[in-house]
C-alpha atoms as a PDB file:
ATOM      1  CA  UNK A   1      66.861  51.047  29.057  1.00  0.00           C
ATOM      2  CA  UNK A   2      67.778  48.274  30.915  1.00  0.00           C
ATOM      3  CA  UNK A   3      69.276  45.869  28.501  1.00  0.00           C
ATOM      4  CA  UNK A   4      67.514  42.375  29.368  1.00  0.00           C
ATOM      5  CA  UNK A   5      68.281  39.386  27.754  1.00  0.00           C
ATOM      6  CA  UNK A   6      66.250  37.877  25.320  1.00  0.00           C
ATOM      7  CA  UNK A   7      64.011  34.981  26.569  1.00  0.00           C
ATOM      8  CA  UNK A   8      63.611  32.155  24.026  1.00  0.00           C
ATOM      9  CA  UNK A   9      61.132  29.593  22.713  1.00  0.00           C
ATOM     10  CA  UNK A  10      61.803  26.137  21.001  1.00  0.00           C
ATOM     11  CA  UNK A  11      62.986  26.592  16.986  1.00  0.00           C
ATOM     12  CA  UNK A  12      60.239  24.507  16.451  1.00  0.00           C
ATOM     13  CA  UNK A  13      56.333  25.407  15.351  1.00  0.00           C
ATOM     14  CA  UNK A  14      53.177  26.211  17.891  1.00  0.00           C
ATOM     15  CA  UNK A  15      49.872  27.611  17.606  1.00  0.00           C
ATOM     16  CA  UNK A  16      47.323  30.121  19.076  1.00  0.00           C
ATOM     17  CA  UNK A  17      45.897  28.582  22.003  1.00  0.00           C
ATOM     18  CA  UNK A  18      41.883  28.554  22.078  1.00  0.00           C
ATOM     19  CA  UNK A  19      39.467  27.096  24.492  1.00  0.00           C
ATOM     20  CA  UNK A  20      38.031  25.000  21.708  1.00  0.00           C
ATOM     21  CA  UNK A  21      41.455  23.218  21.806  1.00  0.00           C
ATOM     22  CA  UNK A  22      42.570  22.794  25.341  1.00  0.00           C
ATOM     23  CA  UNK A  23      41.600  19.389  25.477  1.00  0.00           C
ATOM     24  CA  UNK A  24      43.273  18.644  22.379  1.00  0.00           C
ATOM     25  CA  UNK A  25      46.505  20.527  23.709  1.00  0.00           C
ATOM     26  CA  UNK A  26      46.767  18.548  26.740  1.00  0.00           C
ATOM     27  CA  UNK A  27      45.300  14.638  26.032  1.00  0.00           C
ATOM     28  CA  UNK A  28      46.701  14.779  22.112  1.00  0.00           C
ATOM     29  CA  UNK A  29      44.748  13.199  19.295  1.00  0.00           C
ATOM     30  CA  UNK A  30      45.611  10.207  17.682  1.00  0.00           C
ATOM     31  CA  UNK A  31      48.268  10.149  14.268  1.00  0.00           C
ATOM     32  CA  UNK A  32      48.247  13.875  14.784  1.00  0.00           C
ATOM     33  CA  UNK A  33      51.459  15.870  15.608  1.00  0.00           C
ATOM     34  CA  UNK A  34      51.206  18.122  18.406  1.00  0.00           C
ATOM     35  CA  UNK A  35      52.873  21.943  18.630  1.00  0.00           C
ATOM     36  CA  UNK A  36      55.656  22.686  20.603  1.00  0.00           C
ATOM     37  CA  UNK A  37      54.458  25.728  22.136  1.00  0.00           C
ATOM     38  CA  UNK A  38      51.662  27.539  22.179  1.00  0.00           C
ATOM     39  CA  UNK A  39      50.850  31.342  22.242  1.00  0.00           C
ATOM     40  CA  UNK A  40      47.786  33.005  23.972  1.00  0.00           C
ATOM     41  CA  UNK A  41      46.387  36.690  24.729  1.00  0.00           C
ATOM     42  CA  UNK A  42      47.177  37.618  27.725  1.00  0.00           C
ATOM     43  CA  UNK A  43      44.396  40.026  27.959  1.00  0.00           C
ATOM     44  CA  UNK A  44      41.862  36.783  28.075  1.00  0.00           C
ATOM     45  CA  UNK A  45      43.176  35.469  31.350  1.00  0.00           C
ATOM     46  CA  UNK A  46      43.031  39.289  32.871  1.00  0.00           C
ATOM     47  CA  UNK A  47      41.444  37.282  35.878  1.00  0.00           C
ATOM     48  CA  UNK A  48      41.898  35.921  38.685  1.00  0.00           C
ATOM     49  CA  UNK A  49      40.890  32.803  38.771  1.00  0.00           C
ATOM     50  CA  UNK A  50      38.430  30.355  37.192  1.00  0.00           C
ATOM     51  CA  UNK A  51      38.370  27.979  34.092  1.00  0.00           C
ATOM     52  CA  UNK A  52      40.551  30.152  32.144  1.00  0.00           C
ATOM     53  CA  UNK A  53      43.391  29.470  34.602  1.00  0.00           C
ATOM     54  CA  UNK A  54      43.081  26.448  35.291  1.00  0.00           C
ATOM     55  CA  UNK A  55      43.408  24.904  31.737  1.00  0.00           C
ATOM     56  CA  UNK A  56      46.178  27.220  30.912  1.00  0.00           C
ATOM     57  CA  UNK A  57      48.209  26.304  33.859  1.00  0.00           C
ATOM     58  CA  UNK A  58      47.649  22.685  32.964  1.00  0.00           C
ATOM     59  CA  UNK A  59      49.117  23.540  29.382  1.00  0.00           C
ATOM     60  CA  UNK A  60      52.066  25.381  30.961  1.00  0.00           C
ATOM     61  CA  UNK A  61      53.299  22.427  32.949  1.00  0.00           C
ATOM     62  CA  UNK A  62      53.387  20.665  29.557  1.00  0.00           C
ATOM     63  CA  UNK A  63      54.439  23.092  27.238  1.00  0.00           C
ATOM     64  CA  UNK A  64      56.268  26.771  27.048  1.00  0.00           C
ATOM     65  CA  UNK A  65      53.949  29.403  26.396  1.00  0.00           C
ATOM     66  CA  UNK A  66      54.458  32.931  24.431  1.00  0.00           C
ATOM     67  CA  UNK A  67      52.194  36.340  25.421  1.00  0.00           C
ATOM     68  CA  UNK A  68      50.928  38.011  22.755  1.00  0.00           C
ATOM     69  CA  UNK A  69      49.357  41.025  23.651  1.00  0.00           C
ATOM     70  CA  UNK A  70      46.883  42.921  21.743  1.00  0.00           C
ATOM     71  CA  UNK A  71      46.096  45.794  24.295  1.00  0.00           C
ATOM     72  CA  UNK A  72      49.322  47.703  25.104  1.00  0.00           C
ATOM     73  CA  UNK A  73      48.715  49.667  22.174  1.00  0.00           C
ATOM     74  CA  UNK A  74      52.589  50.762  21.735  1.00  0.00           C
ATOM     75  CA  UNK A  75      52.061  53.965  19.259  1.00  0.00           C
ATOM     76  CA  UNK A  76      49.077  55.761  21.383  1.00  0.00           C
ATOM     77  CA  UNK A  77      50.780  59.527  21.268  1.00  0.00           C
ATOM     78  CA  UNK A  78      48.933  60.148  25.344  1.00  0.00           C
ATOM     79  CA  UNK A  79      51.113  57.037  26.722  1.00  0.00           C
ATOM     80  CA  UNK A  80      50.596  53.887  27.978  1.00  0.00           C
ATOM     81  CA  UNK A  81      47.663  52.287  30.105  1.00  0.00           C
ATOM     82  CA  UNK A  82      49.414  51.799  33.184  1.00  0.00           C
ATOM     83  CA  UNK A  83      46.623  49.431  34.207  1.00  0.00           C
ATOM     84  CA  UNK A  84      46.752  47.332  31.260  1.00  0.00           C
ATOM     85  CA  UNK A  85      50.626  47.046  31.598  1.00  0.00           C
ATOM     86  CA  UNK A  86      50.416  46.068  35.483  1.00  0.00           C
ATOM     87  CA  UNK A  87      47.846  43.838  34.569  1.00  0.00           C
ATOM     88  CA  UNK A  88      50.201  42.259  32.306  1.00  0.00           C
ATOM     89  CA  UNK A  89      53.519  42.201  34.551  1.00  0.00           C
ATOM     90  CA  UNK A  90      51.778  40.310  36.834  1.00  0.00           C
ATOM     91  CA  UNK A  91      50.400  37.426  34.793  1.00  0.00           C
ATOM     92  CA  UNK A  92      53.872  37.361  33.639  1.00  0.00           C
ATOM     93  CA  UNK A  93      55.181  36.894  36.865  1.00  0.00           C
ATOM     94  CA  UNK A  94      52.506  34.152  37.622  1.00  0.00           C
ATOM     95  CA  UNK A  95      53.397  32.080  34.120  1.00  0.00           C
ATOM     96  CA  UNK A  96      56.705  33.290  33.429  1.00  0.00           C
ATOM     97  CA  UNK A  97      56.234  32.939  29.568  1.00  0.00           C
ATOM     98  CA  UNK A  98      58.972  32.079  27.731  1.00  0.00           C
ATOM     99  CA  UNK A  99      57.969  35.380  25.407  1.00  0.00           C
ATOM    100  CA  UNK A 100      56.116  38.312  25.265  1.00  0.00           C
ATOM    101  CA  UNK A 101      55.319  40.263  22.641  1.00  0.00           C
ATOM    102  CA  UNK A 102      52.695  43.085  21.371  1.00  0.00           C
ATOM    103  CA  UNK A 103      52.032  45.325  17.449  1.00  0.00           C
ATOM    104  CA  UNK A 104      53.367  48.390  16.194  1.00  0.00           C
ATOM    105  CA  UNK A 105      50.229  50.172  16.086  1.00  0.00           C
ATOM    106  CA  UNK A 106      47.905  52.626  18.072  1.00  0.00           C
ATOM    107  CA  UNK A 107      44.296  51.340  19.765  1.00  0.00           C
ATOM    108  CA  UNK A 108      42.677  54.434  21.083  1.00  0.00           C
ATOM    109  CA  UNK A 109      44.010  57.490  23.129  1.00  0.00           C
ATOM    110  CA  UNK A 110      44.801  57.615  27.142  1.00  0.00           C
ATOM    111  CA  UNK A 111      41.038  57.387  28.229  1.00  0.00           C
ATOM    112  CA  UNK A 112      39.731  54.948  25.065  1.00  0.00           C
ATOM    113  CA  UNK A 113      40.663  51.495  23.876  1.00  0.00           C
ATOM    114  CA  UNK A 114      39.434  50.458  20.781  1.00  0.00           C
ATOM    115  CA  UNK A 115      39.150  46.633  19.209  1.00  0.00           C
ATOM    116  CA  UNK A 116      41.589  47.639  16.590  1.00  0.00           C
ATOM    117  CA  UNK A 117      45.465  47.896  15.496  1.00  0.00           C
ATOM    118  CA  UNK A 118      45.705  51.075  13.767  1.00  0.00           C
ATOM    119  CA  UNK A 119      48.772  52.131  12.183  1.00  0.00           C
ATOM    120  CA  UNK A 120      51.318  54.483  12.696  1.00  0.00           C
ATOM    121  CA  UNK A 121      53.560  56.973  10.661  1.00  0.00           C
ATOM    122  CA  UNK A 122      57.011  56.013   9.789  1.00  0.00           C
ATOM    123  CA  UNK A 123      58.761  59.275  11.156  1.00  0.00           C
ATOM    124  CA  UNK A 124      61.047  60.198  13.679  1.00  0.00           C
ATOM    125  CA  UNK A 125      58.801  61.536  15.705  1.00  0.00           C
ATOM    126  CA  UNK A 126      56.991  58.222  15.913  1.00  0.00           C
ATOM    127  CA  UNK A 127      60.301  56.363  16.460  1.00  0.00           C
ATOM    128  CA  UNK A 128      60.984  58.041  19.456  1.00  0.00           C
ATOM    129  CA  UNK A 129      57.200  57.549  20.590  1.00  0.00           C
ATOM    130  CA  UNK A 130      57.174  53.921  20.168  1.00  0.00           C
ATOM    131  CA  UNK A 131      61.168  53.511  21.488  1.00  0.00           C
ATOM    132  CA  UNK A 132      60.043  55.335  24.917  1.00  0.00           C
ATOM    133  CA  UNK A 133      57.082  53.098  25.179  1.00  0.00           C
ATOM    134  CA  UNK A 134      58.429  49.969  24.480  1.00  0.00           C
ATOM    135  CA  UNK A 135      61.248  51.124  26.801  1.00  0.00           C
ATOM    136  CA  UNK A 136      58.885  51.290  29.641  1.00  0.00           C
ATOM    137  CA  UNK A 137      57.146  48.068  28.884  1.00  0.00           C
ATOM    138  CA  UNK A 138      60.487  46.201  28.866  1.00  0.00           C
ATOM    139  CA  UNK A 139      61.583  47.778  32.219  1.00  0.00           C
ATOM    140  CA  UNK A 140      58.152  47.187  33.917  1.00  0.00           C
ATOM    141  CA  UNK A 141      58.118  43.374  32.761  1.00  0.00           C
ATOM    142  CA  UNK A 142      62.328  43.085  33.073  1.00  0.00           C
ATOM    143  CA  UNK A 143      62.673  41.194  30.004  1.00  0.00           C
ATOM    144  CA  UNK A 144      62.801  42.236  26.420  1.00  0.00           C
ATOM    145  CA  UNK A 145      59.890  42.050  23.900  1.00  0.00           C
ATOM    146  CA  UNK A 146      58.829  41.410  20.422  1.00  0.00           C
ATOM    147  CA  UNK A 147      57.257  44.325  18.638  1.00  0.00           C
ATOM    148  CA  UNK A 148      54.944  42.578  15.578  1.00  0.00           C
ATOM    149  CA  UNK A 149      55.144  44.296  11.860  1.00  0.00           C
ATOM    150  CA  UNK A 150      51.707  45.571  11.190  1.00  0.00           C
ATOM    151  CA  UNK A 151      49.259  44.542   8.428  1.00  0.00           C
ATOM    152  CA  UNK A 152      48.157  47.529   6.490  1.00  0.00           C
ATOM    153  CA  UNK A 153      45.565  48.997   4.667  1.00  0.00           C
ATOM    154  CA  UNK A 154      47.113  52.723   4.227  1.00  0.00           C
ATOM    155  CA  UNK A 155      50.041  54.417   4.326  1.00  0.00           C
ATOM    156  CA  UNK A 156      50.695  57.683   4.974  1.00  0.00           C
ATOM    157  CA  UNK A 157      51.934  60.908   3.275  1.00  0.00           C
ATOM    158  CA  UNK A 158      54.156  61.703   5.421  1.00  0.00           C
ATOM    159  CA  UNK A 159      56.447  58.906   6.346  1.00  0.00           C
ATOM    160  CA  UNK A 160      60.227  59.142   6.570  1.00  0.00           C
ATOM    161  CA  UNK A 161      61.162  55.634   5.823  1.00  0.00           C
ATOM    162  CA  UNK A 162      60.018  52.517   4.804  1.00  0.00           C
ATOM    163  CA  UNK A 163      58.654  49.958   7.476  1.00  0.00           C
ATOM    164  CA  UNK A 164      61.516  47.761   7.289  1.00  0.00           C
ATOM    165  CA  UNK A 165      63.839  50.960   8.086  1.00  0.00           C
ATOM    166  CA  UNK A 166      61.490  51.850  11.031  1.00  0.00           C
ATOM    167  CA  UNK A 167      61.509  47.995  12.343  1.00  0.00           C
ATOM    168  CA  UNK A 168      65.470  48.405  12.491  1.00  0.00           C
ATOM    169  CA  UNK A 169      65.300  51.490  13.777  1.00  0.00           C
ATOM    170  CA  UNK A 170      63.006  50.561  16.534  1.00  0.00           C
ATOM    171  CA  UNK A 171      64.887  47.574  17.650  1.00  0.00           C
ATOM    172  CA  UNK A 172      68.131  49.433  17.623  1.00  0.00           C
ATOM    173  CA  UNK A 173      67.074  52.132  19.810  1.00  0.00           C
ATOM    174  CA  UNK A 174      64.824  50.481  22.059  1.00  0.00           C
ATOM    175  CA  UNK A 175      66.349  47.003  22.592  1.00  0.00           C
ATOM    176  CA  UNK A 176      63.303  44.623  21.432  1.00  0.00           C
ATOM    177  CA  UNK A 177      63.212  42.061  18.520  1.00  0.00           C
ATOM    178  CA  UNK A 178      60.830  41.549  15.912  1.00  0.00           C
ATOM    179  CA  UNK A 179      58.252  38.952  15.518  1.00  0.00           C
ATOM    180  CA  UNK A 180      57.980  38.544  11.981  1.00  0.00           C
ATOM    181  CA  UNK A 181      54.393  38.088  10.468  1.00  0.00           C
ATOM    182  CA  UNK A 182      54.772  36.938   7.394  1.00  0.00           C
ATOM    183  CA  UNK A 183      50.633  36.953   6.406  1.00  0.00           C
ATOM    184  CA  UNK A 184      51.344  40.735   7.341  1.00  0.00           C
ATOM    185  CA  UNK A 185      53.909  41.263   5.149  1.00  0.00           C
ATOM    186  CA  UNK A 186      51.769  39.674   1.769  1.00  0.00           C
ATOM    187  CA  UNK A 187      48.460  41.648   3.043  1.00  0.00           C
ATOM    188  CA  UNK A 188      50.731  45.486   3.542  1.00  0.00           C
ATOM    189  CA  UNK A 189      52.876  44.568   0.237  1.00  0.00           C
ATOM    190  CA  UNK A 190      49.706  43.836  -1.531  1.00  0.00           C
ATOM    191  CA  UNK A 191      47.353  46.603  -0.133  1.00  0.00           C
ATOM    192  CA  UNK A 192      49.892  49.207  -1.112  1.00  0.00           C
ATOM    193  CA  UNK A 193      51.644  48.207  -4.397  1.00  0.00           C
ATOM    194  CA  UNK A 194      55.195  46.741  -2.657  1.00  0.00           C
ATOM    195  CA  UNK A 195      57.275  43.931  -3.486  1.00  0.00           C
ATOM    196  CA  UNK A 196      56.731  41.208  -0.762  1.00  0.00           C
ATOM    197  CA  UNK A 197      60.273  39.530  -1.965  1.00  0.00           C
ATOM    198  CA  UNK A 198      61.911  42.954  -1.310  1.00  0.00           C
ATOM    199  CA  UNK A 199      60.760  43.103   1.642  1.00  0.00           C
ATOM    200  CA  UNK A 200      61.579  39.882   3.639  1.00  0.00           C
ATOM    201  CA  UNK A 201      65.085  39.793   1.913  1.00  0.00           C
ATOM    202  CA  UNK A 202      65.852  43.469   3.679  1.00  0.00           C
ATOM    203  CA  UNK A 203      64.738  41.930   7.216  1.00  0.00           C
ATOM    204  CA  UNK A 204      68.073  41.585   9.101  1.00  0.00           C
ATOM    205  CA  UNK A 205      67.076  37.522  10.937  1.00  0.00           C
ATOM    206  CA  UNK A 206      69.525  38.572  13.653  1.00  0.00           C
ATOM    207  CA  UNK A 207      66.746  40.812  15.161  1.00  0.00           C
ATOM    208  CA  UNK A 208      63.631  38.180  14.623  1.00  0.00           C
ATOM    209  CA  UNK A 209      62.984  36.389  17.777  1.00  0.00           C
ATOM    210  CA  UNK A 210      59.743  34.731  16.417  1.00  0.00           C
ATOM    211  CA  UNK A 211      57.547  34.024  12.761  1.00  0.00           C
ATOM    212  CA  UNK A 212      53.806  34.452  12.442  1.00  0.00           C
ATOM    213  CA  UNK A 213      51.962  32.513   9.855  1.00  0.00           C
ATOM    214  CA  UNK A 214      48.425  33.125   9.013  1.00  0.00           C
ATOM    215  CA  UNK A 215      45.639  32.868   6.516  1.00  0.00           C
ATOM    216  CA  UNK A 216      44.063  35.994   5.529  1.00  0.00           C
ATOM    217  CA  UNK A 217      40.600  37.070   3.278  1.00  0.00           C
ATOM    218  CA  UNK A 218      40.629  38.806   0.275  1.00  0.00           C
ATOM    219  CA  UNK A 219      37.763  41.537  -1.064  1.00  0.00           C
ATOM    220  CA  UNK A 220      38.065  42.389  -4.943  1.00  0.00           C
ATOM    221  CA  UNK A 221      36.923  45.931  -5.542  1.00  0.00           C
ATOM    222  CA  UNK A 222      37.284  47.844  -8.867  1.00  0.00           C
ATOM    223  CA  UNK A 223      40.823  49.397  -7.910  1.00  0.00           C
ATOM    224  CA  UNK A 224      41.983  45.017  -7.391  1.00  0.00           C
ATOM    225  CA  UNK A 225      41.887  42.923  -4.633  1.00  0.00           C
ATOM    226  CA  UNK A 226      42.483  43.988  -0.619  1.00  0.00           C
ATOM    227  CA  UNK A 227      43.887  41.980   1.689  1.00  0.00           C
ATOM    228  CA  UNK A 228      42.262  41.542   5.028  1.00  0.00           C
ATOM    229  CA  UNK A 229      44.346  39.969   7.920  1.00  0.00           C
ATOM    230  CA  UNK A 230      41.483  38.034   9.861  1.00  0.00           C
ATOM    231  CA  UNK A 231      43.494  34.587  10.584  1.00  0.00           C
ATOM    232  CA  UNK A 232      40.351  32.485   9.239  1.00  0.00           C
ATOM    233  CA  UNK A 233      42.141  30.508   6.761  1.00  0.00           C
ATOM    234  CA  UNK A 234      44.733  28.481   5.715  1.00  0.00           C
ATOM    235  CA  UNK A 235      48.491  30.083   4.858  1.00  0.00           C
ATOM    236  CA  UNK A 236      48.208  31.041   1.546  1.00  0.00           C
ATOM    237  CA  UNK A 237      50.973  29.401  -1.149  1.00  0.00           C
ATOM    238  CA  UNK A 238      52.545  32.907  -1.576  1.00  0.00           C
ATOM    239  CA  UNK A 239      53.038  33.506   2.490  1.00  0.00           C
ATOM    240  CA  UNK A 240      54.375  29.885   2.578  1.00  0.00           C
ATOM    241  CA  UNK A 241      57.034  30.943  -0.247  1.00  0.00           C
ATOM    242  CA  UNK A 242      58.556  33.980   1.240  1.00  0.00           C
ATOM    243  CA  UNK A 243      58.116  32.091   4.739  1.00  0.00           C
ATOM    244  CA  UNK A 244      60.828  29.225   2.849  1.00  0.00           C
ATOM    245  CA  UNK A 245      62.553  32.090   1.551  1.00  0.00           C
ATOM    246  CA  UNK A 246      62.978  33.950   5.014  1.00  0.00           C
ATOM    247  CA  UNK A 247      64.151  30.849   7.030  1.00  0.00           C
ATOM    248  CA  UNK A 248      66.267  29.332   3.849  1.00  0.00           C
ATOM    249  CA  UNK A 249      68.412  32.973   4.754  1.00  0.00           C
ATOM    250  CA  UNK A 250      67.697  32.788   9.064  1.00  0.00           C
ATOM    251  CA  UNK A 251      67.454  29.384   9.877  1.00  0.00           C
ATOM    252  CA  UNK A 252      64.961  27.815  11.995  1.00  0.00           C
ATOM    253  CA  UNK A 253      63.403  30.478  14.284  1.00  0.00           C
ATOM    254  CA  UNK A 254      60.510  30.146  16.720  1.00  0.00           C
ATOM    255  CA  UNK A 255      57.124  29.487  14.426  1.00  0.00           C
ATOM    256  CA  UNK A 256      53.613  30.331  15.392  1.00  0.00           C
ATOM    257  CA  UNK A 257      50.559  29.193  13.028  1.00  0.00           C
ATOM    258  CA  UNK A 258      47.663  32.045  13.731  1.00  0.00           C
ATOM    259  CA  UNK A 259      44.185  30.812  13.141  1.00  0.00           C
ATOM    260  CA  UNK A 260      41.939  33.201  15.233  1.00  0.00           C
ATOM    261  CA  UNK A 261      38.327  33.167  13.535  1.00  0.00           C
ATOM    262  CA  UNK A 262      36.753  30.572  11.606  1.00  0.00           C
ATOM    263  CA  UNK A 263      38.290  28.001  13.861  1.00  0.00           C
ATOM    264  CA  UNK A 264      39.422  24.354  12.090  1.00  0.00           C
ATOM    265  CA  UNK A 265      39.288  21.292  13.838  1.00  0.00           C
ATOM    266  CA  UNK A 266      42.621  20.702  15.559  1.00  0.00           C
ATOM    267  CA  UNK A 267      43.746  18.121  12.883  1.00  0.00           C
ATOM    268  CA  UNK A 268      43.531  21.038  10.302  1.00  0.00           C
ATOM    269  CA  UNK A 269      45.337  23.371  12.535  1.00  0.00           C
ATOM    270  CA  UNK A 270      47.841  21.103  13.017  1.00  0.00           C
ATOM    271  CA  UNK A 271      48.159  20.107   9.256  1.00  0.00           C
ATOM    272  CA  UNK A 272      49.828  23.737   9.531  1.00  0.00           C
ATOM    273  CA  UNK A 273      51.988  22.835  11.611  1.00  0.00           C
ATOM    274  CA  UNK A 274      53.418  19.889   9.715  1.00  0.00           C
ATOM    275  CA  UNK A 275      53.711  21.764   6.735  1.00  0.00           C
ATOM    276  CA  UNK A 276      56.234  24.730   8.705  1.00  0.00           C
ATOM    277  CA  UNK A 277      58.101  21.791  10.030  1.00  0.00           C
ATOM    278  CA  UNK A 278      58.526  19.599   6.477  1.00  0.00           C
ATOM    279  CA  UNK A 279      59.939  23.037   4.597  1.00  0.00           C
ATOM    280  CA  UNK A 280      62.364  23.582   7.931  1.00  0.00           C
ATOM    281  CA  UNK A 281      63.534  19.632   7.459  1.00  0.00           C
ATOM    282  CA  UNK A 282      63.981  20.330   4.009  1.00  0.00           C
ATOM    283  CA  UNK A 283      66.334  23.160   4.688  1.00  0.00           C
ATOM    284  CA  UNK A 284      67.864  21.134   7.346  1.00  0.00           C
ATOM    285  CA  UNK A 285      68.428  18.772   4.897  1.00  0.00           C
ATOM    286  CA  UNK A 286      69.911  21.264   1.811  1.00  0.00           C
ATOM    287  CA  UNK A 287      72.102  22.115   4.827  1.00  0.00           C
ATOM    288  CA  UNK A 288      73.782  18.868   5.680  1.00  0.00           C
END
C-alpha cells in the first residue's frame, strides 16, 4: 500500500450536515455559533447534479468537508463493491474533502448490501481482510482514510484480541487512522459489560484523526439496559466525561457532533458544538 500523507481538518468542532440545516450553515443564525467544518455521507451525493450538489458546492466554498462513508463494507468477506468505490473516488475528485472515513463493519456480501453496520470478529483472519480492503480503498482514493470503532450489541466467542488492540493493529498494518466515536465506546462497553474508561485510556491518541460525539437511545430489558446507537438525542453525560478524559490526554482533535434522527433546530445542534468547544477551552486554560 502506498503510504499517503493524511489530510487534516481544523482541530475544532463541526457538525453532520443535513438538508434541514443548509440555509443555517450558509447564512448563519443570529446569536448562534457556526461550525468549523461539516461532514456528509457521500452516498447521499452519488448523483450527477441537481439540488444536493448545488447546496454542497456552495457550502464547500466556505467550510472544509469531511466524507463519512456508510457503504464501503470494509469487513465484507467477498470483497469491496467496485462500483461503490468508484463513485466515492469520483466524488472525492470533485470536492477534495479534507477527510474520508468509513466503519469497522460489514453490510452485506458481494451482491447485496444491507442498511446496517454489522460487527466483525476480532481475529487475525479478519484483521488481514480488513487491512487488505482498506489498502485497496486508499490506493484508489490516493489518500489515507479513517476507520471508526463500531457500536456493538454482541461479541464473538472466537475473538482473539480486544477492540482497541484490533484497531491499533489495523492502523499499523494498513496505514489508516482512527475515527474515535466516543458515544460508540459508551454503547459498546455498556452492552458488553466492559469499562469505557479503560477503553478510552487504552487508545493511542497519535492514531486518532477525528472524534465523533453523538447521543443514543436506551431500551430497558430484564437483563439490564441496552443502548442503541441512533444519533437521535443530545450527547450523554458519560460520553462528555469520556470525551474530556480523552482530549485531556490527547489534546484538541477535529470533533464532530452527529445528530441523524429526531433532528433538532440548528441552535440546539450548535449548543452541543459550544459545549465541546468549552471543554477544549478549559483544557487550554489549564495548559496555559
